[in-house]
Protein backbone atom coordinates (compact mmCIF):
# COMPACT_ATOMS: atom_id res chain seq x y z
CA MET A 1 -42.53 4.08 -78.24
CA ASP A 2 -45.26 6.71 -78.60
CA GLY A 3 -45.40 7.12 -74.85
CA HIS A 4 -41.69 7.65 -74.78
CA SER A 5 -41.85 10.27 -77.50
CA SER A 6 -44.62 12.17 -75.84
CA SER A 7 -42.66 12.13 -72.69
CA VAL A 8 -39.71 13.71 -74.40
CA VAL A 9 -41.80 16.29 -76.23
CA GLY A 10 -43.64 17.15 -73.04
CA SER A 11 -40.47 17.76 -71.19
CA SER A 12 -39.07 19.98 -73.91
CA SER A 13 -42.25 21.98 -74.09
CA VAL A 14 -42.18 22.55 -70.42
CA SER A 15 -38.61 23.73 -70.51
CA SER A 16 -39.42 26.19 -73.27
CA ILE A 17 -41.94 28.03 -71.13
CA PRO A 18 -40.20 31.13 -69.74
CA ASN A 19 -39.81 31.21 -65.93
CA PRO A 20 -39.67 34.72 -64.54
CA SER A 21 -37.58 33.57 -61.52
CA SER A 22 -34.99 31.78 -63.60
CA ALA A 23 -33.05 34.97 -64.15
CA LEU A 24 -32.60 35.46 -60.36
CA PRO A 25 -29.67 33.71 -58.55
CA PRO A 26 -30.73 30.72 -56.38
CA LYS A 27 -31.17 31.45 -52.70
CA PRO A 28 -28.57 29.76 -50.48
CA ILE A 29 -30.05 26.88 -48.53
CA LYS A 30 -29.13 27.06 -44.84
CA SER A 31 -27.72 23.71 -43.77
CA GLU A 32 -28.79 22.75 -40.27
CA GLN A 33 -27.08 19.79 -38.59
CA THR A 34 -30.10 18.38 -36.82
CA SER A 35 -28.66 14.94 -35.99
CA VAL A 36 -27.30 14.57 -32.49
CA VAL A 37 -24.29 12.80 -33.96
CA TRP A 38 -22.80 16.25 -34.66
CA GLU A 39 -22.35 16.67 -30.92
CA HIS A 40 -19.54 14.12 -31.27
CA PHE A 41 -18.17 14.96 -34.75
CA THR A 42 -16.84 18.14 -36.36
CA LYS A 43 -16.76 18.93 -40.08
CA VAL A 44 -13.32 19.33 -41.60
CA GLU A 45 -13.11 22.77 -43.16
CA GLY A 46 -11.28 23.55 -46.40
CA GLY A 47 -11.81 20.11 -47.93
CA ASP A 48 -13.42 18.94 -51.17
CA LEU A 49 -17.02 20.19 -51.35
CA LYS A 50 -18.03 17.11 -53.34
CA ASP A 51 -16.64 14.77 -50.67
CA PRO A 52 -16.80 16.54 -47.28
CA LYS A 53 -15.20 14.88 -44.27
CA SER A 54 -16.06 14.78 -40.57
CA GLN A 55 -13.73 13.97 -37.67
CA CYS A 56 -14.52 12.11 -34.45
CA LYS A 57 -13.91 14.27 -31.38
CA TYR A 58 -12.59 11.31 -29.40
CA CYS A 59 -10.35 9.24 -31.71
CA ASN A 60 -9.90 11.75 -34.60
CA LYS A 61 -10.98 9.22 -37.21
CA LEU A 62 -12.26 10.72 -40.52
CA PHE A 63 -15.59 9.83 -42.18
CA SER A 64 -17.29 10.90 -45.41
CA CYS A 65 -20.34 12.92 -44.48
CA HIS A 66 -22.01 14.03 -47.73
CA THR A 67 -25.66 14.70 -46.88
CA ARG A 68 -27.12 12.69 -49.77
CA LYS A 69 -24.40 10.13 -50.47
CA HIS A 70 -23.39 9.05 -46.99
CA GLY A 71 -25.60 10.44 -44.24
CA THR A 72 -24.77 9.84 -40.58
CA ASN A 73 -25.18 6.06 -40.28
CA ALA A 74 -21.45 5.37 -40.49
CA MET A 75 -20.74 7.88 -37.75
CA LEU A 76 -23.49 6.45 -35.55
CA GLY A 77 -22.09 2.97 -36.02
CA HIS A 78 -18.63 4.21 -35.13
CA LEU A 79 -19.87 5.70 -31.86
CA ARG A 80 -21.96 2.68 -31.02
CA ASN A 81 -19.49 -0.12 -31.80
CA THR A 82 -16.01 1.06 -32.78
CA CYS A 83 -14.75 4.16 -30.97
CA LYS A 84 -12.83 2.96 -27.92
CA LYS A 85 -12.26 6.46 -26.55
CA TYR A 86 -15.94 7.41 -26.52
CA PRO A 87 -17.05 7.24 -22.85
CA ASP A 88 -20.64 6.32 -23.75
CA ARG A 89 -22.12 4.15 -26.43
CA PHE A 90 -24.56 6.26 -28.42
CA ASP A 91 -28.20 5.26 -28.66
CA LYS A 92 -30.00 7.08 -31.51
CA ASP A 93 -33.39 6.12 -30.07
CA ASP A 94 -32.54 7.41 -26.62
CA LYS A 95 -31.31 10.92 -27.58
CA SER A 96 -29.92 11.44 -24.06
CA GLN A 97 -33.33 10.81 -22.51
CA SER A 98 -33.25 9.12 -19.11
CA LYS A 99 -35.49 6.17 -18.31
CA LEU A 100 -37.54 5.26 -15.26
CA SER A 101 -37.16 1.83 -13.72
CA PHE A 102 -37.53 0.05 -10.42
CA GLU A 103 -34.50 -0.79 -8.30
CA GLY A 104 -34.08 -4.50 -7.73
CA LYS A 105 -33.90 -6.14 -4.30
CA ARG A 106 -32.01 -9.07 -2.92
CA GLU A 107 -34.03 -12.04 -1.84
CA GLY A 108 -32.99 -11.62 1.79
CA GLN A 109 -33.94 -7.93 1.78
CA MET A 110 -37.61 -8.52 0.87
CA ALA A 111 -40.13 -8.37 3.67
CA VAL A 112 -43.01 -10.82 3.93
CA GLY A 113 -45.61 -10.06 1.26
CA GLU A 114 -43.33 -7.48 -0.40
CA GLY A 115 -42.49 -7.52 -4.09
CA SER A 116 -39.07 -8.09 -5.62
CA VAL A 117 -38.76 -4.50 -6.86
CA GLY A 118 -37.68 -1.50 -4.88
CA LYS A 119 -38.04 2.21 -5.24
CA LEU A 120 -38.40 4.02 -8.54
CA VAL A 121 -35.08 5.29 -9.87
CA ILE A 122 -33.89 7.19 -12.94
CA THR A 123 -31.44 5.20 -15.06
CA LYS A 124 -29.31 6.13 -18.03
CA TYR A 125 -26.78 4.12 -19.97
CA ASN A 126 -23.27 4.99 -18.89
CA ALA A 127 -20.36 2.81 -19.99
CA ALA A 128 -17.97 4.42 -17.50
CA LYS A 129 -20.22 3.54 -14.57
CA ILE A 130 -20.55 -0.04 -15.83
CA ARG A 131 -16.76 -0.37 -15.97
CA GLU A 132 -16.47 1.03 -12.45
CA ALA A 133 -19.15 -1.40 -11.22
CA ILE A 134 -17.28 -4.33 -12.78
CA ALA A 135 -14.06 -3.22 -11.05
CA GLN A 136 -15.91 -3.04 -7.72
CA MET A 137 -17.34 -6.51 -8.30
CA ILE A 138 -13.85 -7.91 -9.01
CA ILE A 139 -12.51 -6.37 -5.79
CA LYS A 140 -15.45 -7.15 -3.47
CA ASP A 141 -15.92 -10.75 -4.60
CA GLU A 142 -12.15 -11.35 -4.98
CA LEU A 143 -12.57 -12.51 -8.56
CA PRO A 144 -9.66 -12.99 -10.98
CA PHE A 145 -9.15 -10.37 -13.67
CA SER A 146 -9.76 -13.06 -16.30
CA PHE A 147 -13.38 -13.29 -15.13
CA VAL A 148 -14.37 -10.64 -17.71
CA GLU A 149 -13.03 -12.85 -20.51
CA GLY A 150 -15.26 -15.78 -19.60
CA GLU A 151 -17.93 -16.87 -22.06
CA GLY A 152 -20.62 -16.82 -19.38
CA PHE A 153 -19.89 -13.20 -18.50
CA TRP A 154 -20.02 -12.24 -22.18
CA ASP A 155 -23.43 -13.90 -22.61
CA PHE A 156 -24.70 -12.23 -19.45
CA MET A 157 -23.61 -8.75 -20.54
CA ASN A 158 -25.05 -9.23 -24.05
CA ILE A 159 -28.45 -9.79 -22.46
CA VAL A 160 -28.22 -7.14 -19.73
CA GLU A 161 -26.61 -4.41 -21.85
CA PRO A 162 -25.80 -5.29 -25.49
CA ARG A 163 -24.34 -1.84 -26.12
CA PHE A 164 -21.49 -2.43 -23.68
CA SER A 165 -18.24 -3.65 -25.28
CA ILE A 166 -16.47 -6.33 -23.24
CA TYR A 167 -12.79 -5.61 -22.60
CA SER A 168 -9.76 -7.69 -21.60
CA ARG A 169 -8.28 -8.61 -18.22
CA ASN A 170 -5.59 -5.96 -18.62
CA THR A 171 -8.22 -3.24 -18.90
CA VAL A 172 -10.12 -4.42 -15.83
CA MET A 173 -6.82 -4.53 -13.91
CA LYS A 174 -6.19 -0.88 -14.83
CA ASP A 175 -9.75 -0.02 -13.75
CA CYS A 176 -9.16 -1.68 -10.36
CA VAL A 177 -5.92 0.26 -9.87
CA LYS A 178 -7.68 3.47 -10.88
CA LEU A 179 -10.48 2.75 -8.40
CA PHE A 180 -7.94 2.04 -5.65
CA LEU A 181 -6.13 5.33 -6.24
CA SER A 182 -9.42 7.20 -6.27
CA GLU A 183 -10.50 5.67 -2.95
CA LYS A 184 -7.04 6.32 -1.53
CA GLU A 185 -7.40 10.02 -2.28
CA LYS A 186 -10.81 10.05 -0.61
CA PHE A 187 -9.33 8.49 2.53
CA ARG A 188 -6.45 10.94 2.46
CA ALA A 189 -8.89 13.84 2.32
CA MET A 190 -10.91 12.29 5.13
CA PHE A 191 -7.89 11.79 7.38
CA MET A 192 -6.80 15.39 6.98
CA THR A 193 -9.18 15.90 9.90
CA THR A 194 -8.21 12.69 11.69
CA GLY A 195 -8.14 14.34 15.12
CA VAL A 196 -11.75 15.42 14.83
CA ARG A 197 -12.77 11.94 13.71
CA ILE A 198 -10.95 10.30 16.61
CA LEU A 199 -12.83 12.51 19.05
CA LEU A 200 -16.14 11.68 17.37
CA CYS A 201 -15.38 7.97 17.64
CA MET A 202 -14.51 8.37 21.33
CA LEU A 203 -17.82 10.10 21.98
CA GLU A 204 -19.76 7.53 19.99
CA TRP A 205 -18.12 4.56 21.73
CA GLY A 206 -18.28 6.15 25.17
CA ILE A 207 -14.49 6.16 25.71
CA ARG A 208 -13.41 8.51 28.50
CA ASN A 209 -10.09 7.22 29.81
CA ILE A 210 -7.27 7.12 27.25
CA PHE A 211 -3.81 6.14 28.37
CA ALA A 212 -2.03 6.04 24.98
CA ILE A 213 -2.65 5.77 21.24
CA THR A 214 -0.11 3.95 19.05
CA VAL A 215 0.17 5.15 15.45
CA ASP A 216 2.61 4.93 12.55
CA ASN A 217 5.23 7.60 12.07
CA ALA A 218 3.45 10.07 9.76
CA SER A 219 3.04 13.83 9.90
CA THR A 220 -0.76 13.52 9.63
CA ASN A 221 -0.77 11.25 12.68
CA ASP A 222 1.40 13.72 14.60
CA ALA A 223 -1.02 16.55 13.89
CA ALA A 224 -4.04 14.40 14.74
CA LEU A 225 -2.63 13.27 18.09
CA GLU A 226 -1.62 16.82 19.02
CA PHE A 227 -5.20 17.90 18.38
CA VAL A 228 -6.60 15.04 20.50
CA LYS A 229 -4.17 15.84 23.32
CA ARG A 230 -5.24 19.46 23.38
CA ARG A 231 -8.92 18.58 23.44
CA THR A 232 -8.65 15.87 26.12
CA SER A 233 -5.94 17.20 28.43
CA ASN A 234 -8.38 19.03 30.76
CA LYS A 235 -11.18 16.50 30.63
CA GLU A 236 -12.08 14.00 33.31
CA GLY A 237 -10.31 10.72 32.71
CA ALA A 238 -7.22 12.25 31.10
CA ILE A 239 -4.12 10.56 32.49
CA LEU A 240 -1.38 13.04 33.37
CA GLU A 241 -3.11 15.62 31.15
CA SER A 242 -2.64 13.39 28.07
CA GLN A 243 1.05 14.26 28.08
CA PHE A 244 2.15 10.73 27.12
CA MET A 245 -0.70 9.82 24.79
CA HIS A 246 1.28 9.65 21.53
CA ILE A 247 3.29 6.45 21.03
CA ARG A 248 5.05 5.78 17.73
CA CYS A 249 4.77 2.23 16.42
CA CYS A 250 8.02 0.40 17.18
CA ALA A 251 7.59 -2.04 14.27
CA HIS A 252 7.17 0.83 11.84
CA ILE A 253 10.36 2.48 13.09
CA LEU A 254 12.23 -0.82 12.71
CA ASN A 255 11.00 -0.93 9.13
CA LEU A 256 12.42 2.56 8.48
CA ILE A 257 15.77 1.60 10.03
CA VAL A 258 16.19 -1.58 7.96
CA THR A 259 15.07 0.15 4.74
CA ASP A 260 17.84 2.72 5.15
CA GLY A 261 20.38 -0.05 5.75
CA LEU A 262 19.40 -2.02 2.65
CA LYS A 263 20.33 0.91 0.43
CA GLU A 264 23.98 0.51 1.45
CA VAL A 265 24.18 -3.20 0.53
CA ASP A 266 21.92 -3.13 -2.50
CA GLU A 267 24.58 -4.40 -4.92
CA PHE A 268 24.75 -8.05 -3.87
CA ILE A 269 21.00 -8.13 -3.08
CA VAL A 270 20.29 -7.09 -6.68
CA SER A 271 22.60 -9.88 -7.88
CA VAL A 272 20.59 -12.51 -6.05
CA ARG A 273 17.32 -10.89 -7.13
CA SER A 274 18.43 -11.13 -10.77
CA ALA A 275 19.24 -14.85 -10.40
CA VAL A 276 15.89 -15.60 -8.74
CA LYS A 277 14.06 -13.58 -11.37
CA TYR A 278 15.79 -15.56 -14.15
CA ALA A 279 14.92 -18.92 -12.56
CA LYS A 280 11.26 -17.94 -12.14
CA SER A 281 10.87 -16.14 -15.48
CA SER A 282 9.44 -19.18 -17.32
CA PRO A 283 8.30 -22.76 -16.54
CA VAL A 284 11.17 -24.18 -18.64
CA ARG A 285 13.82 -22.29 -16.67
CA PHE A 286 12.21 -23.18 -13.35
CA ASP A 287 12.21 -26.86 -14.31
CA LYS A 288 15.93 -26.56 -15.06
CA PHE A 289 16.44 -24.96 -11.66
CA LYS A 290 14.55 -27.76 -9.88
CA ALA A 291 16.68 -30.29 -11.78
CA CYS A 292 19.80 -28.54 -10.45
CA ILE A 293 18.41 -28.82 -6.90
CA GLU A 294 17.92 -32.57 -7.38
CA ARG A 295 21.40 -33.04 -8.86
CA GLU A 296 22.97 -31.20 -5.93
CA GLN A 297 20.80 -33.28 -3.54
CA LEU A 298 19.68 -30.21 -1.64
CA ASP A 299 17.15 -30.72 1.11
CA PHE A 300 15.07 -27.73 0.10
CA LYS A 301 11.30 -28.09 -0.12
CA GLY A 302 10.36 -24.46 0.34
CA LEU A 303 9.45 -21.81 -2.18
CA LEU A 304 11.76 -19.55 -4.12
CA TYR A 305 10.53 -16.00 -3.49
CA LEU A 306 10.98 -12.95 -5.68
CA ASP A 307 10.94 -10.01 -3.34
CA ILE A 308 9.22 -6.65 -3.45
CA PRO A 309 12.11 -4.15 -3.20
CA THR A 310 10.10 -1.72 -1.06
CA ARG A 311 9.34 -4.39 1.60
CA TRP A 312 12.43 -5.57 3.42
CA ASN A 313 10.78 -8.63 4.98
CA SER A 314 10.12 -10.02 1.50
CA THR A 315 13.81 -9.40 0.70
CA PHE A 316 14.68 -11.41 3.82
CA PHE A 317 12.53 -14.34 2.64
CA MET A 318 14.08 -14.17 -0.85
CA LEU A 319 17.65 -14.19 0.47
CA GLU A 320 16.84 -16.95 2.96
CA GLY A 321 15.48 -19.24 0.24
CA ALA A 322 18.16 -18.35 -2.31
CA GLU A 323 21.01 -18.95 0.17
CA LYS A 324 19.79 -22.51 0.73
CA CYS A 325 19.90 -23.03 -3.06
CA GLN A 326 23.34 -21.51 -3.61
CA ALA A 327 24.78 -24.71 -5.08
CA ALA A 328 21.81 -25.03 -7.44
CA PHE A 329 22.30 -21.50 -8.76
CA GLN A 330 26.01 -22.11 -9.30
CA LEU A 331 25.30 -25.37 -11.16
CA MET A 332 22.63 -23.65 -13.26
CA GLU A 333 25.16 -20.98 -14.22
CA GLU A 334 27.47 -23.74 -15.53
CA LEU A 335 24.84 -25.81 -17.36
CA ASP A 336 22.51 -23.10 -18.68
CA LYS A 337 24.47 -21.20 -21.31
CA THR A 338 21.91 -18.39 -21.41
CA PHE A 339 22.00 -17.68 -17.67
CA LYS A 340 25.04 -15.43 -17.48
CA PRO A 341 24.68 -13.75 -20.91
CA THR A 342 21.06 -12.87 -20.19
CA LEU A 343 21.90 -11.20 -16.90
CA THR A 344 24.94 -9.48 -18.42
CA GLU A 345 22.82 -8.00 -21.21
CA GLU A 346 20.29 -6.73 -18.70
CA LYS A 347 23.12 -5.25 -16.65
CA ASN A 348 24.31 -3.25 -19.65
CA GLU A 349 20.81 -1.82 -20.09
CA LYS A 350 19.84 -1.22 -16.47
CA ASN A 351 23.28 -1.13 -14.84
CA ASP A 352 22.08 -3.13 -11.86
CA LEU A 353 21.93 -6.85 -12.73
CA ALA A 354 24.72 -9.46 -12.61
CA PRO A 355 25.04 -13.11 -11.52
CA PRO A 356 25.91 -13.46 -7.82
CA THR A 357 29.55 -14.24 -7.11
CA CYS A 358 31.05 -16.31 -4.31
CA ALA A 359 31.74 -13.09 -2.41
CA ASP A 360 28.07 -12.15 -2.77
CA TRP A 361 26.95 -15.47 -1.28
CA SER A 362 29.37 -15.04 1.65
CA ARG A 363 27.99 -11.58 2.40
CA ILE A 364 24.43 -12.89 2.15
CA LYS A 365 25.07 -15.49 4.87
CA ILE A 366 26.27 -12.74 7.21
CA PHE A 367 23.51 -10.36 6.22
CA LEU A 368 20.80 -12.98 6.83
CA LYS A 369 21.82 -13.29 10.48
CA PHE A 370 21.70 -9.52 10.78
CA LEU A 371 18.26 -9.24 9.14
CA LYS A 372 16.89 -12.05 11.29
CA LEU A 373 17.46 -9.89 14.38
CA PHE A 374 15.07 -7.27 13.02
CA TYR A 375 12.61 -9.80 11.65
CA ASP A 376 12.34 -11.65 14.99
CA ALA A 377 12.09 -8.37 16.90
CA THR A 378 9.28 -7.21 14.62
CA ILE A 379 7.37 -10.47 15.07
CA ARG A 380 7.65 -10.26 18.87
CA ILE A 381 6.61 -6.60 19.02
CA LEU A 382 3.62 -7.21 16.74
CA GLY A 383 2.29 -9.97 18.99
CA SER A 384 -1.37 -9.61 19.97
CA LEU A 385 -1.80 -12.46 22.47
CA TYR A 386 0.68 -11.20 25.07
CA CYS A 387 1.90 -7.96 26.59
CA THR A 388 4.49 -6.16 24.45
CA SER A 389 4.97 -2.81 26.22
CA ASN A 390 7.65 -4.20 28.55
CA MET A 391 9.49 -5.81 25.60
CA TYR A 392 9.89 -2.53 23.73
CA PHE A 393 12.89 -1.32 25.74
CA GLN A 394 14.74 -4.65 25.62
CA GLU A 395 14.33 -4.97 21.86
CA ILE A 396 15.63 -1.50 21.03
CA CYS A 397 18.54 -1.91 23.43
CA GLY A 398 19.55 -5.24 21.88
CA ILE A 399 19.32 -3.75 18.40
CA GLN A 400 21.45 -0.77 19.42
CA MET A 401 24.11 -3.11 20.79
CA HIS A 402 24.23 -5.13 17.57
CA LEU A 403 24.41 -2.00 15.41
CA GLN A 404 27.33 -0.74 17.47
CA GLU A 405 29.13 -4.07 17.02
CA TYR A 406 28.69 -3.89 13.24
CA ILE A 407 29.98 -0.30 13.24
CA ASP A 408 33.10 -1.43 15.11
CA ASN A 409 33.46 -4.49 12.86
CA GLY A 410 36.13 -3.00 10.60
CA ASP A 411 34.47 -4.19 7.39
CA TYR A 412 33.68 -1.12 5.32
CA VAL A 413 30.41 -2.48 3.87
CA TRP A 414 28.90 -3.55 7.18
CA SER A 415 30.22 -0.50 9.01
CA ALA A 416 28.67 1.91 6.45
CA MET A 417 25.37 0.06 6.57
CA ALA A 418 25.26 0.03 10.38
CA GLU A 419 26.20 3.72 10.63
CA LYS A 420 23.33 4.70 8.36
CA MET A 421 20.94 2.54 10.37
CA MET A 422 22.26 4.00 13.61
CA THR A 423 21.54 7.50 12.32
CA LYS A 424 17.91 6.55 11.79
CA TYR A 425 17.87 4.77 15.16
CA ASN A 426 19.07 7.89 16.97
CA LYS A 427 16.42 9.97 15.24
CA TYR A 428 13.66 8.06 16.99
CA TRP A 429 15.31 6.35 19.97
CA GLY A 430 18.50 8.30 20.63
CA HIS A 431 19.18 11.49 22.64
CA LEU A 432 16.68 10.46 25.28
CA GLU A 433 16.81 13.66 27.31
CA ASN A 434 15.44 15.98 24.63
CA ASN A 435 13.93 13.70 21.97
CA ASP A 436 10.20 14.34 21.81
CA ARG A 437 9.78 11.24 19.63
CA VAL A 438 10.55 9.03 22.66
CA ASN A 439 7.56 8.41 24.90
CA LEU A 440 8.94 8.07 28.43
CA MET A 441 5.94 5.99 29.42
CA MET A 442 7.63 3.05 27.67
CA PHE A 443 10.34 3.23 30.33
CA ILE A 444 7.67 3.19 33.04
CA ALA A 445 6.50 -0.15 31.63
CA VAL A 446 10.04 -1.48 32.12
CA ILE A 447 10.10 -0.26 35.72
CA LEU A 448 6.80 -2.02 36.44
CA ASP A 449 8.13 -5.31 35.01
CA PRO A 450 9.25 -7.44 38.00
CA GLN A 451 12.09 -8.95 35.94
CA THR A 452 13.77 -5.64 35.13
CA LYS A 453 12.50 -2.68 37.17
CA LEU A 454 14.49 0.53 37.54
CA VAL A 455 17.86 -1.18 37.82
CA SER A 456 17.77 -2.27 34.15
CA LEU A 457 17.24 1.32 33.07
CA GLU A 458 20.06 2.42 35.33
CA TYR A 459 22.38 -0.08 33.68
CA TRP A 460 21.41 1.05 30.19
CA PHE A 461 21.52 4.77 30.89
CA LYS A 462 25.00 4.53 32.42
CA ASP A 463 26.25 2.70 29.34
CA VAL A 464 24.65 5.09 26.83
CA LEU A 465 24.37 8.45 28.61
CA GLY A 466 27.02 8.39 31.30
CA VAL A 467 26.62 8.66 35.07
CA ASP A 468 25.47 12.29 35.34
CA ARG A 469 22.87 12.10 32.58
CA CYS A 470 21.82 8.70 33.89
CA ASN A 471 21.00 10.20 37.30
CA ALA A 472 19.03 13.00 35.64
CA MET A 473 16.96 10.49 33.64
CA LYS A 474 16.34 8.37 36.75
CA LYS A 475 15.10 11.43 38.62
CA LYS A 476 12.81 12.36 35.72
CA LEU A 477 11.34 8.87 35.47
CA LYS A 478 10.79 8.63 39.23
CA SER A 479 8.90 11.91 39.11
CA ILE A 480 6.63 10.57 36.35
CA LEU A 481 6.14 7.31 38.23
CA HIS A 482 5.10 9.11 41.42
CA LYS A 483 2.63 11.28 39.47
CA LEU A 484 1.19 8.18 37.84
CA TYR A 485 0.96 6.48 41.22
CA ASP A 486 -0.84 9.48 42.73
CA HIS A 487 -3.25 9.63 39.79
CA TYR A 488 -4.41 6.04 40.24
CA ASN A 489 -4.19 6.14 44.04
CA SER A 490 -6.38 9.24 44.34
CA GLY A 491 -9.57 7.34 43.50
CA GLU A 492 -8.81 4.23 45.52
CA SER A 493 -9.05 3.44 49.20
CA SER A 494 -5.93 2.70 51.12
CA SER A 495 -6.85 -0.98 51.22
CA GLN A 496 -6.75 -1.14 47.44
CA VAL A 497 -3.25 0.28 47.13
CA LEU A 498 -0.82 -2.32 45.82
CA HIS A 499 2.43 -2.70 47.71
CA SER A 500 5.48 -4.04 45.95
CA SER A 501 7.73 -4.60 48.95
CA GLY A 502 7.72 -8.30 48.21
CA LEU A 503 9.03 -7.82 44.68
CA SER A 504 12.72 -8.13 44.11
CA GLN A 505 14.54 -5.38 42.34
CA GLY A 506 16.09 -7.76 39.89
CA PHE A 507 15.74 -11.35 38.79
CA SER A 508 17.82 -14.47 39.13
CA MET A 509 17.06 -16.62 36.08
CA LYS A 510 19.92 -17.36 33.71
CA ILE A 511 19.76 -16.38 30.06
CA GLU A 512 21.87 -18.09 27.45
CA GLU A 513 23.79 -16.29 24.73
CA SER A 514 21.59 -15.76 21.70
CA GLU A 515 21.31 -13.77 18.54
CA ASN A 516 17.90 -12.73 19.81
CA ALA A 517 17.99 -8.97 20.46
CA ASN A 518 15.81 -9.28 23.56
CA LEU A 519 17.85 -12.07 25.13
CA TYR A 520 21.09 -10.42 24.08
CA PHE A 521 20.27 -7.35 26.16
CA MET A 522 18.91 -9.39 29.08
CA ASN A 523 22.07 -11.52 29.20
CA ARG A 524 24.30 -8.45 29.48
CA PHE A 525 21.95 -6.93 32.02
CA HIS A 526 22.05 -10.15 34.06
CA LYS A 527 25.85 -10.00 34.20
CA TYR A 528 25.65 -6.40 35.34
CA LEU A 529 23.06 -7.26 37.97
CA THR A 530 25.03 -10.11 39.46
CA SER A 531 28.08 -7.87 39.82
CA LYS A 532 26.05 -5.16 41.55
CA SER A 533 26.25 -5.69 45.29
CA ASP A 534 24.74 -2.50 46.70
CA ILE A 535 20.92 -2.73 46.95
CA GLU A 536 19.24 0.55 47.81
CA ASN A 537 16.26 0.86 50.13
CA LYS A 538 12.95 0.96 48.24
CA SER A 539 10.03 3.26 48.75
CA GLU A 540 6.43 2.14 48.31
CA VAL A 541 6.57 3.14 44.64
CA ASP A 542 9.95 1.45 43.99
């Protein structure tokens, strides 16, 4: 009690002593934000001085930041564990200081007597780089996106880098797509100078003689090949001054032709796509669909495909499988009361979905035969175990004949589709006299084929160009053939020159009628050949 009293008296006596500085106003204390957390937060101005607020620069979340009451621990914890938009997890002990460590080595990379560590490197925690490395791991090792949600991966990352927050499969999928687009842009920038790179590869590989280069139809490829032609035309080994070096990929052109045609018949294709999408939208619906197949006793053991609209071959597979299950789809429409209403509701929203009708199925049967022509032609042209240069001409001729038949069909839908496809066809393979997209060397391959030779071109040119223009094209091709013959003959002795006097100008095998574009052309050519009685004398080249 006495101690307490003395304490009180002492304090009052002290306060009664006059302080000469008490009359002066207190000096303002300059507040310095020394914590590095203020690099990531900003103080909110104009607020309550007794309860100041700070705002995260990344997610805009507010925190109380009174110097004595709150401090910066809450903000540090937010950066370290909570803020999803913060690119790096903050480490208050690190203070942006890099660390030195040794780079690890694979077991197979270590030399005899060498340690398991590599060179000294500077490391720093970077969450963005870790996410990019995980995306690369998923792509390189072909791992599923769900790999990052596995318990083992979580335990591994907690030991390797506890500061890193594990994310979901959807996030890693987005990271992989982002990485793909980034690499795609790098390749695009690299191929802006494709011509230079082709020349460098030729020098590195020791390639001197180039007959032709086949590329897709793209403006960058056109520019690259023009550059290569200019740089190689006067060099030793250039064949006919590289005039016929550029060949456009036939399969790629077929893809462009069919894609244009699909736009004209998209209505019934979308109907079938909507039915397939409904059947495959859930396991319950797919089980109902399989039950309908069993009830209809359909002999279908294949797969029901949902196509990719930008890839016409996948649309062909989808239509082919769906057409075989037509009865199952019709039965499902009767038994499943949600089938038609669901598609009708989606049609009202998107204006493109509806159940396929009987007329749609009838058109699909016709359209499948038409698409199969292009699919089979593409497969034959893309062959790698046999020569395809001599097949090029026969395929495009057969396709042109079929397109013309569909144009003359009389059916508005098929005629409009074929006319649009024919327009694209003529862009790349029509107007032969003055179309720089047509490489005349492909016709030379036909002439050198013992089954066809020049007479097949004569037949085709008369039918497409007329007699006068046909004779002009024959003269032009013979001139190229003689130049090519002289080029190869100039470096050979006379004993090495090949004579073709024993080769017949035509062929005598019979070809049956077929939907195959190649055989379709050859059958018509065979009929023309058998009716042709006048055989001209042949020179050494012919």
